[in-house]
Amino acid sequence: MPESEVSIILEQLISDVENDVPDTNFSAADLLAKSMAKSLAIKNGQSLNSTEQEHMVNSLFACKEPSCITN
């Protein structure tokens, strides 16, 4: 994540924690992970350059669980 986006991500995280009604099935860590995933996800319509695409594919194949992708 670019340093310029850190404050935006933190503000979104605080907003999500304040506004989301915690589900009894989710721990605080799960809610944090959900919020961060939403904030850091590639937005609809956003294009990735070939280096970013290659990193995503390599990260997918490096995961123990194929449904996880890291930045």
PDB file of N, CA and C in Angstrom:
ATOM      1  N   MET A   1       0.850  -1.167   0.000  1.00  0.00           N
ATOM      2  CA  MET A   1       0.000   0.000   0.000  1.00  0.00           C
ATOM      3  C   MET A   1       0.893   1.227   0.000  1.00  0.00           C
ATOM      4  N   PRO A   2       0.575   2.171  -0.841  1.00  0.00           N
ATOM      5  CA  PRO A   2       1.364   3.403  -0.873  1.00  0.00           C
ATOM      6  C   PRO A   2       1.230   4.182   0.435  1.00  0.00           C
ATOM      7  N   GLU A   3       2.328   4.793   0.858  1.00  0.00           N
ATOM      8  CA  GLU A   3       2.326   5.544   2.113  1.00  0.00           C
ATOM      9  C   GLU A   3       1.256   6.631   2.115  1.00  0.00           C
ATOM     10  N   SER A   4       0.971   7.202   0.955  1.00  0.00           N
ATOM     11  CA  SER A   4      -0.019   8.275   0.860  1.00  0.00           C
ATOM     12  C   SER A   4      -1.433   7.796   1.178  1.00  0.00           C
ATOM     13  N   GLU A   5      -1.666   6.485   1.140  1.00  0.00           N
ATOM     14  CA  GLU A   5      -3.000   5.942   1.396  1.00  0.00           C
ATOM     15  C   GLU A   5      -3.181   5.425   2.813  1.00  0.00           C
ATOM     16  N   VAL A   6      -2.149   5.444   3.628  1.00  0.00           N
ATOM     17  CA  VAL A   6      -2.227   4.883   4.981  1.00  0.00           C
ATOM     18  C   VAL A   6      -3.309   5.568   5.804  1.00  0.00           C
ATOM     19  N   SER A   7      -3.351   6.892   5.803  1.00  0.00           N
ATOM     20  CA  SER A   7      -4.356   7.601   6.612  1.00  0.00           C
ATOM     21  C   SER A   7      -5.766   7.312   6.125  1.00  0.00           C
ATOM     22  N   ILE A   8      -5.941   7.173   4.818  1.00  0.00           N
ATOM     23  CA  ILE A   8      -7.270   6.857   4.270  1.00  0.00           C
ATOM     24  C   ILE A   8      -7.707   5.471   4.729  1.00  0.00           C
ATOM     25  N   ILE A   9      -6.792   4.507   4.680  1.00  0.00           N
ATOM     26  CA  ILE A   9      -7.090   3.138   5.105  1.00  0.00           C
ATOM     27  C   ILE A   9      -7.440   3.112   6.589  1.00  0.00           C
ATOM     28  N   LEU A  10      -6.680   3.825   7.413  1.00  0.00           N
ATOM     29  CA  LEU A  10      -6.958   3.852   8.852  1.00  0.00           C
ATOM     30  C   LEU A  10      -8.299   4.510   9.147  1.00  0.00           C
ATOM     31  N   GLU A  11      -8.613   5.591   8.443  1.00  0.00           N
ATOM     32  CA  GLU A  11      -9.913   6.240   8.635  1.00  0.00           C
ATOM     33  C   GLU A  11     -11.048   5.304   8.254  1.00  0.00           C
ATOM     34  N   GLN A  12     -10.879   4.564   7.152  1.00  0.00           N
ATOM     35  CA  GLN A  12     -11.899   3.597   6.729  1.00  0.00           C
ATOM     36  C   GLN A  12     -12.046   2.489   7.767  1.00  0.00           C
ATOM     37  N   LEU A  13     -10.931   2.038   8.318  1.00  0.00           N
ATOM     38  CA  LEU A  13     -10.952   0.993   9.340  1.00  0.00           C
ATOM     39  C   LEU A  13     -11.725   1.460  10.570  1.00  0.00           C
ATOM     40  N   ILE A  14     -11.444   2.661  11.031  1.00  0.00           N
ATOM     41  CA  ILE A  14     -12.145   3.208  12.201  1.00  0.00           C
ATOM     42  C   ILE A  14     -13.635   3.357  11.903  1.00  0.00           C
ATOM     43  N   SER A  15     -13.955   3.848  10.726  1.00  0.00           N
ATOM     44  CA  SER A  15     -15.353   4.004  10.328  1.00  0.00           C
ATOM     45  C   SER A  15     -16.072   2.658  10.299  1.00  0.00           C
ATOM     46  N   ASP A  16     -15.415   1.642   9.731  1.00  0.00           N
ATOM     47  CA  ASP A  16     -16.023   0.311   9.673  1.00  0.00           C
ATOM     48  C   ASP A  16     -16.282  -0.241  11.067  1.00  0.00           C
ATOM     49  N   VAL A  17     -15.324  -0.069  11.968  1.00  0.00           N
ATOM     50  CA  VAL A  17     -15.478  -0.580  13.332  1.00  0.00           C
ATOM     51  C   VAL A  17     -16.605   0.161  14.055  1.00  0.00           C
ATOM     52  N   GLU A  18     -16.699   1.463  13.835  1.00  0.00           N
ATOM     53  CA  GLU A  18     -17.744   2.255  14.489  1.00  0.00           C
ATOM     54  C   GLU A  18     -19.136   1.956  13.939  1.00  0.00           C
ATOM     55  N   ASN A  19     -19.228   1.711  12.632  1.00  0.00           N
ATOM     56  CA  ASN A  19     -20.529   1.601  11.988  1.00  0.00           C
ATOM     57  C   ASN A  19     -21.048   0.183  11.807  1.00  0.00           C
ATOM     58  N   ASP A  20     -20.170  -0.799  11.738  1.00  0.00           N
ATOM     59  CA  ASP A  20     -20.614  -2.178  11.563  1.00  0.00           C
ATOM     60  C   ASP A  20     -21.077  -2.749  12.885  1.00  0.00           C
ATOM     61  N   VAL A  21     -22.215  -3.418  12.829  1.00  0.00           N
ATOM     62  CA  VAL A  21     -22.709  -4.104  14.023  1.00  0.00           C
ATOM     63  C   VAL A  21     -21.983  -5.437  14.081  1.00  0.00           C
ATOM     64  N   PRO A  22     -21.188  -5.653  15.140  1.00  0.00           N
ATOM     65  CA  PRO A  22     -20.422  -6.903  15.207  1.00  0.00           C
ATOM     66  C   PRO A  22     -21.338  -8.121  15.250  1.00  0.00           C
ATOM     67  N   ASP A  23     -21.053  -9.075  14.420  1.00  0.00           N
ATOM     68  CA  ASP A  23     -21.767 -10.338  14.401  1.00  0.00           C
ATOM     69  C   ASP A  23     -21.133 -11.224  15.464  1.00  0.00           C
ATOM     70  N   THR A  24     -21.955 -11.929  16.209  1.00  0.00           N
ATOM     71  CA  THR A  24     -21.421 -12.768  17.283  1.00  0.00           C
ATOM     72  C   THR A  24     -20.523 -13.878  16.751  1.00  0.00           C
ATOM     73  N   ASN A  25     -20.623 -14.179  15.456  1.00  0.00           N
ATOM     74  CA  ASN A  25     -19.804 -15.245  14.875  1.00  0.00           C
ATOM     75  C   ASN A  25     -18.413 -14.768  14.486  1.00  0.00           C
ATOM     76  N   PHE A  26     -18.169 -13.465  14.541  1.00  0.00           N
ATOM     77  CA  PHE A  26     -16.888 -12.922  14.106  1.00  0.00           C
ATOM     78  C   PHE A  26     -16.127 -12.317  15.276  1.00  0.00           C
ATOM     79  N   SER A  27     -14.840 -12.602  15.333  1.00  0.00           N
ATOM     80  CA  SER A  27     -13.979 -12.020  16.361  1.00  0.00           C
ATOM     81  C   SER A  27     -13.532 -10.631  15.908  1.00  0.00           C
ATOM     82  N   ALA A  28     -12.892  -9.905  16.815  1.00  0.00           N
ATOM     83  CA  ALA A  28     -12.362  -8.588  16.467  1.00  0.00           C
ATOM     84  C   ALA A  28     -11.338  -8.711  15.349  1.00  0.00           C
ATOM     85  N   ALA A  29     -10.551  -9.780  15.372  1.00  0.00           N
ATOM     86  CA  ALA A  29      -9.557 -10.001  14.315  1.00  0.00           C
ATOM     87  C   ALA A  29     -10.239 -10.224  12.970  1.00  0.00           C
ATOM     88  N   ASP A  30     -11.356 -10.947  12.968  1.00  0.00           N
ATOM     89  CA  ASP A  30     -12.101 -11.177  11.726  1.00  0.00           C
ATOM     90  C   ASP A  30     -12.660  -9.865  11.181  1.00  0.00           C
ATOM     91  N   LEU A  31     -13.197  -9.021  12.072  1.00  0.00           N
ATOM     92  CA  LEU A  31     -13.728  -7.731  11.630  1.00  0.00           C
ATOM     93  C   LEU A  31     -12.612  -6.844  11.087  1.00  0.00           C
ATOM     94  N   LEU A  32     -11.451  -6.875  11.718  1.00  0.00           N
ATOM     95  CA  LEU A  32     -10.296  -6.117  11.246  1.00  0.00           C
ATOM     96  C   LEU A  32      -9.860  -6.614   9.868  1.00  0.00           C
ATOM     97  N   ALA A  33      -9.789  -7.926   9.709  1.00  0.00           N
ATOM     98  CA  ALA A  33      -9.391  -8.507   8.424  1.00  0.00           C
ATOM     99  C   ALA A  33     -10.394  -8.144   7.335  1.00  0.00           C
ATOM    100  N   LYS A  34     -11.683  -8.189   7.659  1.00  0.00           N
ATOM    101  CA  LYS A  34     -12.725  -7.838   6.683  1.00  0.00           C
ATOM    102  C   LYS A  34     -12.576  -6.385   6.241  1.00  0.00           C
ATOM    103  N   SER A  35     -12.378  -5.503   7.182  1.00  0.00           N
ATOM    104  CA  SER A  35     -12.252  -4.084   6.873  1.00  0.00           C
ATOM    105  C   SER A  35     -11.009  -3.810   6.035  1.00  0.00           C
ATOM    106  N   MET A  36      -9.887  -4.424   6.403  1.00  0.00           N
ATOM    107  CA  MET A  36      -8.651  -4.208   5.657  1.00  0.00           C
ATOM    108  C   MET A  36      -8.756  -4.790   4.251  1.00  0.00           C
ATOM    109  N   ALA A  37      -9.393  -5.945   4.119  1.00  0.00           N
ATOM    110  CA  ALA A  37      -9.561  -6.548   2.793  1.00  0.00           C
ATOM    111  C   ALA A  37     -10.390  -5.634   1.904  1.00  0.00           C
ATOM    112  N   LYS A  38     -11.446  -5.067   2.479  1.00  0.00           N
ATOM    113  CA  LYS A  38     -12.305  -4.155   1.714  1.00  0.00           C
ATOM    114  C   LYS A  38     -11.538  -2.902   1.306  1.00  0.00           C
ATOM    115  N   SER A  39     -10.749  -2.361   2.213  1.00  0.00           N
ATOM    116  CA  SER A  39     -10.014  -1.129   1.937  1.00  0.00           C
ATOM    117  C   SER A  39      -8.873  -1.335   0.941  1.00  0.00           C
ATOM    118  N   LEU A  40      -8.227  -2.486   1.009  1.00  0.00           N
ATOM    119  CA  LEU A  40      -7.042  -2.727   0.182  1.00  0.00           C
ATOM    120  C   LEU A  40      -7.349  -3.458  -1.125  1.00  0.00           C
ATOM    121  N   ALA A  41      -8.600  -3.843  -1.324  1.00  0.00           N
ATOM    122  CA  ALA A  41      -8.969  -4.578  -2.536  1.00  0.00           C
ATOM    123  C   ALA A  41      -8.778  -3.720  -3.782  1.00  0.00           C
ATOM    124  N   ILE A  42      -8.557  -4.378  -4.875  1.00  0.00           N
ATOM    125  CA  ILE A  42      -8.467  -3.685  -6.157  1.00  0.00           C
ATOM    126  C   ILE A  42      -9.881  -3.244  -6.514  1.00  0.00           C
ATOM    127  N   LYS A  43     -10.033  -1.982  -6.734  1.00  0.00           N
ATOM    128  CA  LYS A  43     -11.354  -1.416  -6.982  1.00  0.00           C
ATOM    129  C   LYS A  43     -11.840  -1.756  -8.386  1.00  0.00           C
ATOM    130  N   ASN A  44     -13.152  -1.852  -8.534  1.00  0.00           N
ATOM    131  CA  ASN A  44     -13.777  -2.134  -9.814  1.00  0.00           C
ATOM    132  C   ASN A  44     -13.358  -1.085 -10.842  1.00  0.00           C
ATOM    133  N   GLY A  45     -12.897  -1.532 -11.982  1.00  0.00           N
ATOM    134  CA  GLY A  45     -12.477  -0.623 -13.032  1.00  0.00           C
ATOM    135  C   GLY A  45     -11.010  -0.230 -12.963  1.00  0.00           C
ATOM    136  N   GLN A  46     -10.331  -0.582 -11.878  1.00  0.00           N
ATOM    137  CA  GLN A  46      -8.914  -0.260 -11.727  1.00  0.00           C
ATOM    138  C   GLN A  46      -8.087  -1.254 -12.544  1.00  0.00           C
ATOM    139  N   SER A  47      -7.176  -0.751 -13.338  1.00  0.00           N
ATOM    140  CA  SER A  47      -6.314  -1.611 -14.150  1.00  0.00           C
ATOM    141  C   SER A  47      -4.984  -1.841 -13.434  1.00  0.00           C
ATOM    142  N   LEU A  48      -4.475  -3.048 -13.573  1.00  0.00           N
ATOM    143  CA  LEU A  48      -3.164  -3.377 -13.019  1.00  0.00           C
ATOM    144  C   LEU A  48      -2.163  -3.450 -14.154  1.00  0.00           C
ATOM    145  N   ASN A  49      -0.946  -2.970 -13.891  1.00  0.00           N
ATOM    146  CA  ASN A  49       0.090  -3.117 -14.913  1.00  0.00           C
ATOM    147  C   ASN A  49       0.592  -4.557 -14.880  1.00  0.00           C
ATOM    148  N   SER A  50       1.431  -4.915 -15.832  1.00  0.00           N
ATOM    149  CA  SER A  50       1.866  -6.310 -15.949  1.00  0.00           C
ATOM    150  C   SER A  50       2.663  -6.780 -14.729  1.00  0.00           C
ATOM    151  N   THR A  51       3.423  -5.898 -14.113  1.00  0.00           N
ATOM    152  CA  THR A  51       4.175  -6.266 -12.903  1.00  0.00           C
ATOM    153  C   THR A  51       3.218  -6.584 -11.754  1.00  0.00           C
ATOM    154  N   GLU A  52       2.194  -5.772 -11.581  1.00  0.00           N
ATOM    155  CA  GLU A  52       1.204  -6.007 -10.522  1.00  0.00           C
ATOM    156  C   GLU A  52       0.422  -7.296 -10.785  1.00  0.00           C
ATOM    157  N   GLN A  53       0.078  -7.542 -12.040  1.00  0.00           N
ATOM    158  CA  GLN A  53      -0.625  -8.773 -12.391  1.00  0.00           C
ATOM    159  C   GLN A  53       0.232  -9.997 -12.089  1.00  0.00           C
ATOM    160  N   GLU A  54       1.507  -9.915 -12.471  1.00  0.00           N
ATOM    161  CA  GLU A  54       2.427 -11.028 -12.233  1.00  0.00           C
ATOM    162  C   GLU A  54       2.595 -11.283 -10.737  1.00  0.00           C
ATOM    163  N   HIS A  55       2.701 -10.208  -9.950  1.00  0.00           N
ATOM    164  CA  HIS A  55       2.821 -10.354  -8.499  1.00  0.00           C
ATOM    165  C   HIS A  55       1.590 -11.047  -7.919  1.00  0.00           C
ATOM    166  N   MET A  56       0.409 -10.671  -8.402  1.00  0.00           N
ATOM    167  CA  MET A  56      -0.820 -11.271  -7.889  1.00  0.00           C
ATOM    168  C   MET A  56      -0.868 -12.767  -8.198  1.00  0.00           C
ATOM    169  N   VAL A  57      -0.524 -13.148  -9.418  1.00  0.00           N
ATOM    170  CA  VAL A  57      -0.532 -14.564  -9.797  1.00  0.00           C
ATOM    171  C   VAL A  57       0.511 -15.332  -8.990  1.00  0.00           C
ATOM    172  N   ASN A  58       1.701 -14.781  -8.853  1.00  0.00           N
ATOM    173  CA  ASN A  58       2.749 -15.451  -8.067  1.00  0.00           C
ATOM    174  C   ASN A  58       2.342 -15.598  -6.609  1.00  0.00           C
ATOM    175  N   SER A  59       1.692 -14.574  -6.056  1.00  0.00           N
ATOM    176  CA  SER A  59       1.224 -14.641  -4.667  1.00  0.00           C
ATOM    177  C   SER A  59       0.156 -15.712  -4.504  1.00  0.00           C
ATOM    178  N   LEU A  60      -0.709 -15.814  -5.488  1.00  0.00           N
ATOM    179  CA  LEU A  60      -1.759 -16.836  -5.432  1.00  0.00           C
ATOM    180  C   LEU A  60      -1.150 -18.233  -5.399  1.00  0.00           C
ATOM    181  N   PHE A  61      -0.190 -18.493  -6.285  1.00  0.00           N
ATOM    182  CA  PHE A  61       0.421 -19.821  -6.326  1.00  0.00           C
ATOM    183  C   PHE A  61       1.314 -20.096  -5.120  1.00  0.00           C
ATOM    184  N   ALA A  62       1.763 -19.057  -4.419  1.00  0.00           N
ATOM    185  CA  ALA A  62       2.601 -19.243  -3.236  1.00  0.00           C
ATOM    186  C   ALA A  62       1.784 -19.518  -1.981  1.00  0.00           C
ATOM    187  N   CYS A  63       0.484 -19.279  -2.035  1.00  0.00           N
ATOM    188  CA  CYS A  63      -0.378 -19.465  -0.855  1.00  0.00           C
ATOM    189  C   CYS A  63      -0.650 -20.938  -0.573  1.00  0.00           C
ATOM    190  N   LYS A  64      -0.796 -21.229   0.711  1.00  0.00           N
ATOM    191  CA  LYS A  64      -1.216 -22.569   1.105  1.00  0.00           C
ATOM    192  C   LYS A  64      -2.666 -22.792   0.711  1.00  0.00           C
ATOM    193  N   GLU A  65      -3.465 -21.716   0.804  1.00  0.00           N
ATOM    194  CA  GLU A  65      -4.863 -21.760   0.402  1.00  0.00           C
ATOM    195  C   GLU A  65      -5.012 -20.900  -0.844  1.00  0.00           C
ATOM    196  N   PRO A  66      -5.441 -21.473  -1.968  1.00  0.00           N
ATOM    197  CA  PRO A  66      -5.474 -20.713  -3.214  1.00  0.00           C
ATOM    198  C   PRO A  66      -6.447 -19.539  -3.202  1.00  0.00           C
ATOM    199  N   SER A  67      -7.326 -19.455  -2.225  1.00  0.00           N
ATOM    200  CA  SER A  67      -8.262 -18.328  -2.195  1.00  0.00           C
ATOM    201  C   SER A  67      -7.661 -17.104  -1.514  1.00  0.00           C
ATOM    202  N   CYS A  68      -6.409 -17.198  -1.038  1.00  0.00           N
ATOM    203  CA  CYS A  68      -5.788 -16.044  -0.386  1.00  0.00           C
ATOM    204  C   CYS A  68      -4.775 -15.393  -1.310  1.00  0.00           C
ATOM    205  N   ILE A  69      -4.839 -14.083  -1.392  1.00  0.00           N
ATOM    206  CA  ILE A  69      -3.864 -13.315  -2.174  1.00  0.00           C
ATOM    207  C   ILE A  69      -3.376 -12.199  -1.296  1.00  0.00           C
ATOM    208  N   THR A  70      -2.062 -12.011  -1.212  1.00  0.00           N
ATOM    209  CA  THR A  70      -1.491 -10.945  -0.407  1.00  0.00           C
ATOM    210  C   THR A  70      -0.897  -9.878  -1.284  1.00  0.00           C
ATOM    211  N   ASN A  71      -0.757  -8.695  -0.731  1.00  0.00           N
ATOM    212  CA  ASN A  71      -0.118  -7.596  -1.473  1.00  0.00           C
ATOM    213  C   ASN A  71       1.330  -7.545  -1.173  1.00  0.00           C
TER     214      ASN A  71
END
